[in-house]
Amino acid sequence: MRVNEVETTRDERKPEICFVAPNLTPLLFTKKGANIAGGAEFRQRILARALIRQGFRVCLVTLDRGERLTESAEGIRVFYSHSPEGGWPVIRFIHPRLTSWWRALRQADADIYFQSTAGFLTLVVGCFCRWHGRRFLYSAAHDLDFQPRQLWRIFQRRAGWRDRLLYQWGVRLAHAIVAQHQGQVSDCMKWYKREPVEIPNCYDWPGGEPAKSDGVVLWVSTIRKWKRPELFLELARQLPHLRFRMIGGPGDSSELPLFETIRAEASRIPNLAFVGFVPVDEVERHFDEARVFVNTSDFEGFPNTFLQSWARRIPTVSFIAPCFRDGNQGIGVICRDLGEMKTALIELCENDRRWAAEGIKVREQFLKFHSVKAAVDSYTHLFDQLMQFQRT
């Protein structure tokens, strides 16, 4: 009945939103031991739950990881494509991958398809929506999404050149594009001649105590080469009087050697506790025990870990400076090199007045731009525009 539902009936209700996210089910089903906790998935889970609270119907198209559940605890209908390792080499890109994604998108039969992270799926969703008269919303997950000359840094695995091209074709098919901050807006307009809607990431803080004055220096991320985890180890070596804590698992099998190297080196640093992978919901308690958060990445999108820190008045120290709508690029302590980062950590850990002032500043930033309500209001307005465009 759903597939044959007439368009007039669709017009009488809120649109159904379909998240196309290969790795979202471990977060939705809170699977113990699941080793996936990406930033894009974390953001999509928050948004999906918030939209449901606002009366939207939400579904998900995802990889088949063996759960085979038709609905999550939140009431999200789930449709599966292929298993992560399914199919024979060479031909499996066509079948079962392309064919199963297309089938699952068709089964979902949603009004708006929401896809994030650069990859071949961007083109698949774009073509599906154009073919079936549905709306396609692409949401940037990384600054490099809109920097064609740097995209190779995302697509470094085998057949990365193919997926890079498919993504670039696909993003041009989107009916609307969402950027996380003003820098991404500028890059998208420059390289893709499209003006995206800026909707900052949001975070639904579970509440609790603010930053601890006796807390640790915290690092939380997936351990990948461009995250530069070795720099955090070096900071711990150079500041033996401070307590450091490192959380993160390998990005995929190709990153496993790096993960093992970092873990081995961390075990030899007395003031560094290497925790490894921690499920998303269990990471919160580690933020509750932090005084300062450190990000050592060479480039990012907009780290959700910043929001987890800022909500708690935890100062952040990093090499990246997202551009916000009001032109403010001074949120968090921005460093040019490891020496500056070391100096910043000493000051924030030994000067309580500076630490408290920086905590107040980042908390104000969080409340101003990153509430769940603000994000849902922005997306609701964008959904209305997409559906009005469809009806005209």
Protein backbone atom coordinates (compact mmCIF):
# COMPACT_ATOMS: atom_id res chain seq x y z
CA MET A 1 0.00 0.00 0.00
CA ARG A 2 2.83 2.39 0.84
CA VAL A 3 4.46 2.11 -2.58
CA ASN A 4 1.18 2.95 -4.30
CA GLU A 5 0.21 5.70 -1.88
CA VAL A 6 -1.08 8.70 -3.81
CA GLU A 7 0.77 12.02 -3.62
CA THR A 8 -2.23 13.86 -2.23
CA THR A 9 -2.03 11.66 0.84
CA ARG A 10 1.67 12.47 1.25
CA ASP A 11 0.83 16.17 1.19
CA GLU A 12 -1.49 15.82 4.19
CA ARG A 13 1.20 14.76 6.65
CA LYS A 14 4.73 15.53 7.71
CA PRO A 15 7.27 14.02 5.33
CA GLU A 16 8.91 10.75 6.27
CA ILE A 17 12.68 11.09 6.57
CA CYS A 18 14.91 8.20 5.55
CA PHE A 19 18.49 8.21 6.85
CA VAL A 20 20.83 6.36 4.52
CA ALA A 21 23.61 5.37 6.90
CA PRO A 22 25.60 2.13 6.55
CA ASN A 23 26.92 2.17 10.13
CA LEU A 24 24.08 3.59 12.20
CA THR A 25 22.50 0.41 13.62
CA PRO A 26 25.20 -0.25 16.28
CA LEU A 27 24.38 3.15 17.78
CA LEU A 28 20.61 2.75 17.55
CA PHE A 29 20.57 -0.73 19.03
CA THR A 30 23.34 0.06 21.56
CA LYS A 31 25.11 -3.13 20.63
CA LYS A 32 27.69 -4.10 23.23
CA GLY A 33 31.07 -4.54 21.65
CA ALA A 34 30.15 -2.73 18.44
CA ASN A 35 33.34 -1.06 17.24
CA ILE A 36 31.71 1.73 15.24
CA ALA A 37 31.20 5.19 16.70
CA GLY A 38 31.63 7.68 13.87
CA GLY A 39 30.82 11.36 14.20
CA ALA A 40 28.30 11.35 11.34
CA GLU A 41 26.41 8.44 12.89
CA PHE A 42 26.45 10.10 16.31
CA ARG A 43 24.92 13.24 14.76
CA GLN A 44 22.31 11.28 12.79
CA ARG A 45 21.18 9.40 15.88
CA ILE A 46 20.61 12.64 17.78
CA LEU A 47 18.70 14.14 14.87
CA ALA A 48 16.60 11.02 14.21
CA ARG A 49 15.48 10.85 17.83
CA ALA A 50 14.70 14.56 17.93
CA LEU A 51 12.64 14.40 14.73
CA ILE A 52 10.59 11.53 16.13
CA ARG A 53 9.84 13.62 19.22
CA GLN A 54 8.57 16.33 16.86
CA GLY A 55 6.13 13.93 15.18
CA PHE A 56 8.15 12.99 12.10
CA ARG A 57 8.25 9.41 10.91
CA VAL A 58 11.80 8.19 10.47
CA CYS A 59 13.26 5.16 8.75
CA LEU A 60 16.76 3.90 8.08
CA VAL A 61 18.50 2.16 5.18
CA THR A 62 21.68 0.51 6.39
CA LEU A 63 24.12 -2.39 6.06
CA ASP A 64 23.02 -5.84 7.16
CA ARG A 65 25.20 -6.58 10.18
CA GLY A 66 23.10 -9.49 11.34
CA GLU A 67 20.60 -7.65 13.56
CA ARG A 68 17.73 -8.16 11.10
CA LEU A 69 15.43 -6.08 13.31
CA THR A 70 12.63 -4.31 11.46
CA GLU A 71 12.30 -1.51 13.99
CA SER A 72 14.55 0.13 16.57
CA ALA A 73 13.54 0.88 20.15
CA GLU A 74 12.80 4.47 19.09
CA GLY A 75 10.29 3.35 16.45
CA ILE A 76 12.61 3.77 13.46
CA ARG A 77 11.75 1.37 10.64
CA VAL A 78 14.88 -0.38 9.35
CA PHE A 79 15.64 -1.65 5.84
CA TYR A 80 18.80 -3.59 5.05
CA SER A 81 21.08 -3.68 2.03
CA HIS A 82 23.95 -6.20 1.87
CA SER A 83 26.32 -7.57 4.50
CA PRO A 84 29.63 -5.67 4.79
CA GLU A 85 31.61 -8.51 3.18
CA GLY A 86 28.92 -9.85 0.88
CA GLY A 87 29.53 -10.76 -2.76
CA TRP A 88 32.43 -11.77 -4.97
CA PRO A 89 35.33 -9.40 -5.70
CA VAL A 90 34.97 -7.17 -8.78
CA ILE A 91 31.30 -7.98 -9.48
CA ARG A 92 30.09 -7.30 -5.92
CA PHE A 93 30.11 -3.55 -6.51
CA ILE A 94 27.19 -4.11 -8.91
CA HIS A 95 25.64 -7.04 -7.07
CA PRO A 96 24.86 -7.25 -4.24
CA ARG A 97 25.97 -3.71 -3.36
CA LEU A 98 24.30 -1.39 -5.85
CA THR A 99 21.31 -3.66 -6.35
CA SER A 100 20.67 -4.15 -2.63
CA TRP A 101 20.98 -0.45 -1.78
CA TRP A 102 18.53 0.41 -4.56
CA ARG A 103 16.11 -2.27 -3.35
CA ALA A 104 16.29 -1.04 0.25
CA LEU A 105 15.76 2.59 -0.79
CA ARG A 106 12.69 1.50 -2.72
CA GLN A 107 11.35 -0.48 0.24
CA ALA A 108 11.74 2.52 2.53
CA ASP A 109 9.51 4.57 0.21
CA ALA A 110 10.21 7.79 2.13
CA ASP A 111 9.65 11.41 1.10
CA ILE A 112 13.11 12.79 1.88
CA TYR A 113 16.34 10.78 1.84
CA PHE A 114 19.06 12.10 4.15
CA GLN A 115 22.60 10.92 3.39
CA SER A 116 25.86 12.05 4.98
CA THR A 117 29.58 11.30 4.43
CA ALA A 118 31.22 11.36 1.02
CA GLY A 119 31.10 8.07 -0.88
CA PHE A 120 29.55 6.19 -3.78
CA LEU A 121 26.23 6.07 -1.90
CA THR A 122 25.83 9.78 -2.56
CA LEU A 123 25.35 9.03 -6.27
CA VAL A 124 23.13 6.01 -5.58
CA VAL A 125 20.76 8.05 -3.41
CA GLY A 126 20.86 10.98 -5.82
CA CYS A 127 19.94 8.81 -8.81
CA PHE A 128 17.23 6.98 -6.87
CA CYS A 129 15.55 10.22 -5.75
CA ARG A 130 15.70 11.74 -9.24
CA TRP A 131 14.28 8.55 -10.77
CA HIS A 132 11.44 8.20 -8.26
CA GLY A 133 10.61 11.85 -7.68
CA ARG A 134 11.78 12.02 -4.06
CA ARG A 135 13.87 14.68 -2.34
CA PHE A 136 17.58 14.14 -1.66
CA LEU A 137 19.35 15.97 1.17
CA TYR A 138 23.12 15.65 1.40
CA SER A 139 24.70 16.66 4.71
CA ALA A 140 28.44 17.29 4.89
CA ALA A 141 30.36 15.29 7.47
CA HIS A 142 33.83 16.65 6.80
CA ASP A 143 35.53 19.80 5.57
CA LEU A 144 37.10 17.81 2.73
CA ASP A 145 33.63 16.96 1.35
CA PHE A 146 33.69 20.31 -0.47
CA GLN A 147 37.40 20.45 -1.31
CA PRO A 148 37.83 18.40 -4.51
CA ARG A 149 41.60 18.79 -4.56
CA GLN A 150 41.85 17.19 -1.11
CA LEU A 151 39.18 14.49 -1.47
CA TRP A 152 41.81 11.83 -2.10
CA ARG A 153 42.62 12.02 1.62
CA ILE A 154 39.20 10.52 2.39
CA PHE A 155 39.30 7.95 -0.43
CA GLN A 156 42.64 6.25 0.11
CA ARG A 157 41.49 2.63 0.09
CA ARG A 158 41.33 0.41 -3.01
CA ALA A 159 38.98 1.77 -5.71
CA GLY A 160 39.00 5.11 -3.91
CA TRP A 161 39.33 6.94 -7.24
CA ARG A 162 36.04 5.39 -8.37
CA ASP A 163 34.12 6.26 -5.20
CA ARG A 164 35.53 9.79 -5.27
CA LEU A 165 34.16 10.40 -8.75
CA LEU A 166 30.79 8.85 -7.92
CA TYR A 167 30.50 11.07 -4.86
CA GLN A 168 31.29 14.23 -6.84
CA TRP A 169 28.62 13.36 -9.41
CA GLY A 170 26.17 12.48 -6.64
CA VAL A 171 26.47 15.66 -4.60
CA ARG A 172 25.43 17.64 -7.68
CA LEU A 173 22.14 15.71 -7.71
CA ALA A 174 21.17 16.77 -4.19
CA HIS A 175 18.06 18.92 -3.95
CA ALA A 176 19.56 20.55 -0.86
CA ILE A 177 22.96 20.51 0.83
CA VAL A 178 23.68 21.09 4.52
CA ALA A 179 27.01 22.47 5.74
CA GLN A 180 28.23 22.36 9.33
CA HIS A 181 29.85 25.80 9.38
CA GLN A 182 30.62 28.82 7.25
CA GLY A 183 33.90 27.46 5.95
CA GLN A 184 32.08 24.54 4.33
CA VAL A 185 29.50 26.93 2.89
CA SER A 186 32.25 28.92 1.18
CA ASP A 187 33.98 25.84 -0.20
CA CYS A 188 30.75 24.37 -1.54
CA MET A 189 29.88 27.60 -3.33
CA LYS A 190 33.40 27.86 -4.75
CA TRP A 191 33.79 24.31 -6.04
CA TYR A 192 30.24 23.07 -6.62
CA LYS A 193 28.48 26.37 -7.38
CA ARG A 194 25.79 25.45 -4.85
CA GLU A 195 24.79 27.44 -1.77
CA PRO A 196 24.25 25.02 1.12
CA VAL A 197 22.17 25.65 4.23
CA GLU A 198 24.32 26.08 7.31
CA ILE A 199 23.01 23.99 10.21
CA PRO A 200 25.55 23.54 13.02
CA ASN A 201 25.90 20.15 14.70
CA CYS A 202 23.81 19.64 17.81
CA TYR A 203 24.25 17.60 20.96
CA ASP A 204 21.70 16.38 23.49
CA TRP A 205 23.68 16.62 26.72
CA PRO A 206 22.44 13.99 29.23
CA GLY A 207 23.18 16.44 32.06
CA GLY A 208 25.38 16.09 35.09
CA GLU A 209 28.27 17.92 36.64
CA PRO A 210 30.33 20.47 34.66
CA ALA A 211 34.04 20.09 34.03
CA LYS A 212 36.12 18.72 36.90
CA SER A 213 38.98 20.89 38.11
CA ASP A 214 40.91 17.72 38.99
CA GLY A 215 39.98 15.96 35.75
CA VAL A 216 42.16 14.39 33.06
CA VAL A 217 43.40 15.66 29.72
CA LEU A 218 41.15 13.72 27.36
CA TRP A 219 41.49 12.55 23.73
CA VAL A 220 38.54 10.77 22.08
CA SER A 221 38.47 9.81 18.41
CA THR A 222 38.84 6.97 15.94
CA ILE A 223 42.51 6.17 15.58
CA ARG A 224 43.36 7.11 12.02
CA LYS A 225 46.50 8.52 10.47
CA TRP A 226 45.04 11.97 9.82
CA LYS A 227 43.82 12.17 13.43
CA ARG A 228 47.53 12.20 14.42
CA PRO A 229 47.16 10.28 17.70
CA GLU A 230 50.93 10.12 18.07
CA LEU A 231 50.90 13.82 18.96
CA PHE A 232 48.77 13.13 22.01
CA LEU A 233 51.31 10.53 23.13
CA GLU A 234 54.06 13.11 22.73
CA LEU A 235 52.14 15.63 24.84
CA ALA A 236 51.84 13.03 27.60
CA ARG A 237 55.58 12.37 27.45
CA GLN A 238 56.43 16.07 27.67
CA LEU A 239 53.99 16.77 30.52
CA PRO A 240 54.56 13.91 32.98
CA HIS A 241 52.93 15.81 35.85
CA LEU A 242 49.51 15.79 34.10
CA ARG A 243 47.12 12.84 33.72
CA PHE A 244 46.14 11.89 30.18
CA ARG A 245 43.44 9.54 28.92
CA MET A 246 43.07 8.24 25.35
CA ILE A 247 39.93 6.64 23.91
CA GLY A 248 39.48 5.23 20.42
CA GLY A 249 39.45 2.14 18.27
CA PRO A 250 40.76 1.52 14.73
CA GLY A 251 38.81 3.01 11.83
CA ASP A 252 38.89 -0.24 9.82
CA SER A 253 41.18 -3.19 9.19
CA SER A 254 43.65 -1.00 7.27
CA GLU A 255 44.14 1.14 10.38
CA LEU A 256 44.70 -1.81 12.72
CA PRO A 257 48.54 -1.66 12.53
CA LEU A 258 48.44 2.01 13.53
CA PHE A 259 46.06 1.22 16.39
CA GLU A 260 48.36 -1.53 17.70
CA THR A 261 51.39 0.77 17.45
CA ILE A 262 49.64 3.55 19.39
CA ARG A 263 48.42 1.11 22.04
CA ALA A 264 51.89 -0.35 22.49
CA GLU A 265 53.56 3.05 22.78
CA ALA A 266 50.85 4.31 25.16
CA SER A 267 51.50 1.37 27.51
CA ARG A 268 55.01 2.72 28.06
CA ILE A 269 53.84 6.19 29.18
CA PRO A 270 53.10 6.11 32.94
CA ASN A 271 50.79 9.15 33.04
CA LEU A 272 48.67 8.03 30.05
CA ALA A 273 45.70 5.67 30.36
CA PHE A 274 44.90 4.04 27.02
CA VAL A 275 41.29 2.83 27.13
CA GLY A 276 40.76 1.81 23.50
CA PHE A 277 37.32 1.64 21.94
CA VAL A 278 34.35 2.64 24.10
CA PRO A 279 30.69 2.49 22.91
CA VAL A 280 29.17 5.92 22.31
CA ASP A 281 26.87 5.95 25.33
CA GLU A 282 29.69 4.91 27.65
CA VAL A 283 32.01 7.67 26.42
CA GLU A 284 29.90 10.26 28.25
CA ARG A 285 31.30 9.35 31.65
CA HIS A 286 34.83 9.96 30.39
CA PHE A 287 33.87 13.50 29.41
CA ASP A 288 32.43 13.86 32.91
CA GLU A 289 35.91 13.15 34.24
CA ALA A 290 37.84 15.59 32.01
CA ARG A 291 39.36 19.00 32.66
CA VAL A 292 40.58 19.69 29.10
CA PHE A 293 39.82 18.06 25.76
CA VAL A 294 42.49 17.76 23.06
CA ASN A 295 41.98 17.25 19.32
CA THR A 296 45.14 16.58 17.30
CA SER A 297 43.56 16.13 13.86
CA ASP A 298 45.07 17.67 10.78
CA PHE A 299 41.56 18.42 9.44
CA GLU A 300 37.98 17.70 10.52
CA GLY A 301 34.35 18.44 9.80
CA PHE A 302 32.94 19.71 13.06
CA PRO A 303 33.86 17.33 15.90
CA ASN A 304 30.95 16.21 18.05
CA THR A 305 33.52 15.81 20.79
CA PHE A 306 33.79 19.61 20.91
CA LEU A 307 30.09 19.80 21.75
CA GLN A 308 30.38 17.05 24.35
CA SER A 309 33.14 19.15 25.92
CA TRP A 310 31.58 22.60 25.56
CA ALA A 311 28.26 21.52 27.08
CA ARG A 312 30.22 20.61 30.23
CA ARG A 313 32.37 23.79 30.21
CA ILE A 314 35.43 21.76 29.22
CA PRO A 315 37.93 23.89 27.23
CA THR A 316 39.12 22.41 23.94
CA VAL A 317 42.62 22.61 22.50
CA SER A 318 43.12 21.87 18.80
CA PHE A 319 44.69 22.81 15.48
CA ILE A 320 41.36 23.50 13.76
CA ALA A 321 39.12 26.59 13.85
CA PRO A 322 35.62 26.23 12.35
CA CYS A 323 34.08 29.44 10.99
CA PHE A 324 30.67 30.31 12.46
CA ARG A 325 27.89 32.48 11.10
CA ASP A 326 28.85 35.43 13.30
CA GLY A 327 32.45 35.26 12.06
CA ASN A 328 33.72 34.02 15.42
CA GLN A 329 36.77 31.84 14.87
CA GLY A 330 38.12 32.08 18.40
CA ILE A 331 36.13 29.35 20.13
CA GLY A 332 38.40 26.93 21.91
CA VAL A 333 42.16 27.31 22.10
CA ILE A 334 43.57 27.12 18.56
CA CYS A 335 47.24 26.15 18.23
CA ARG A 336 49.65 26.27 15.31
CA ASP A 337 51.99 23.51 16.44
CA LEU A 338 52.70 21.04 19.20
CA GLY A 339 54.71 23.59 21.17
CA GLU A 340 51.74 25.93 21.39
CA MET A 341 49.48 23.03 22.34
CA LYS A 342 51.83 22.09 25.18
CA THR A 343 51.85 25.68 26.45
CA ALA A 344 48.05 25.87 26.27
CA LEU A 345 47.66 22.67 28.26
CA ILE A 346 50.01 23.88 30.97
CA GLU A 347 48.04 27.12 31.33
CA LEU A 348 44.62 25.48 31.31
CA CYS A 349 45.66 22.79 33.78
CA GLU A 350 47.57 25.03 36.17
CA ASN A 351 45.69 28.34 35.97
CA ASP A 352 42.21 27.82 37.40
CA ARG A 353 41.06 31.33 36.49
CA ARG A 354 41.98 30.94 32.82
CA TRP A 355 40.46 27.45 32.77
CA ALA A 356 37.16 28.66 34.27
CA ALA A 357 36.93 31.65 31.90
CA GLU A 358 37.54 29.47 28.86
CA GLY A 359 34.92 27.02 30.10
CA ILE A 360 32.30 29.75 30.37
CA LYS A 361 33.09 30.94 26.85
CA VAL A 362 32.70 27.52 25.22
CA ARG A 363 29.50 26.82 27.17
CA GLU A 364 27.99 30.05 25.80
CA GLN A 365 28.97 28.96 22.29
CA PHE A 366 27.23 25.64 22.81
CA LEU A 367 24.01 27.22 24.06
CA LYS A 368 23.97 29.81 21.26
CA PHE A 369 24.47 27.54 18.25
CA HIS A 370 24.27 23.86 19.11
CA SER A 371 21.03 23.07 20.90
CA VAL A 372 18.92 20.21 19.55
CA LYS A 373 15.90 22.51 19.29
CA ALA A 374 17.76 24.96 17.04
CA ALA A 375 18.89 22.14 14.73
CA VAL A 376 15.44 20.54 14.51
CA ASP A 377 13.82 23.90 13.78
CA SER A 378 16.31 24.48 10.95
CA TYR A 379 15.81 21.01 9.48
CA THR A 380 12.02 21.28 9.76
CA HIS A 381 12.11 24.50 7.76
CA LEU A 382 14.38 22.88 5.17
CA PHE A 383 12.10 19.83 4.90
CA ASP A 384 9.13 22.13 4.30
CA GLN A 385 11.03 23.89 1.51
CA LEU A 386 11.96 20.58 -0.10
CA MET A 387 8.39 19.34 -0.05
CA GLN A 388 7.01 22.63 -1.39
CA PHE A 389 9.50 22.40 -4.24
CA GLN A 390 8.32 18.86 -4.97
CA ARG A 391 4.67 19.92 -5.18
CA THR A 392 5.28 22.83 -7.57
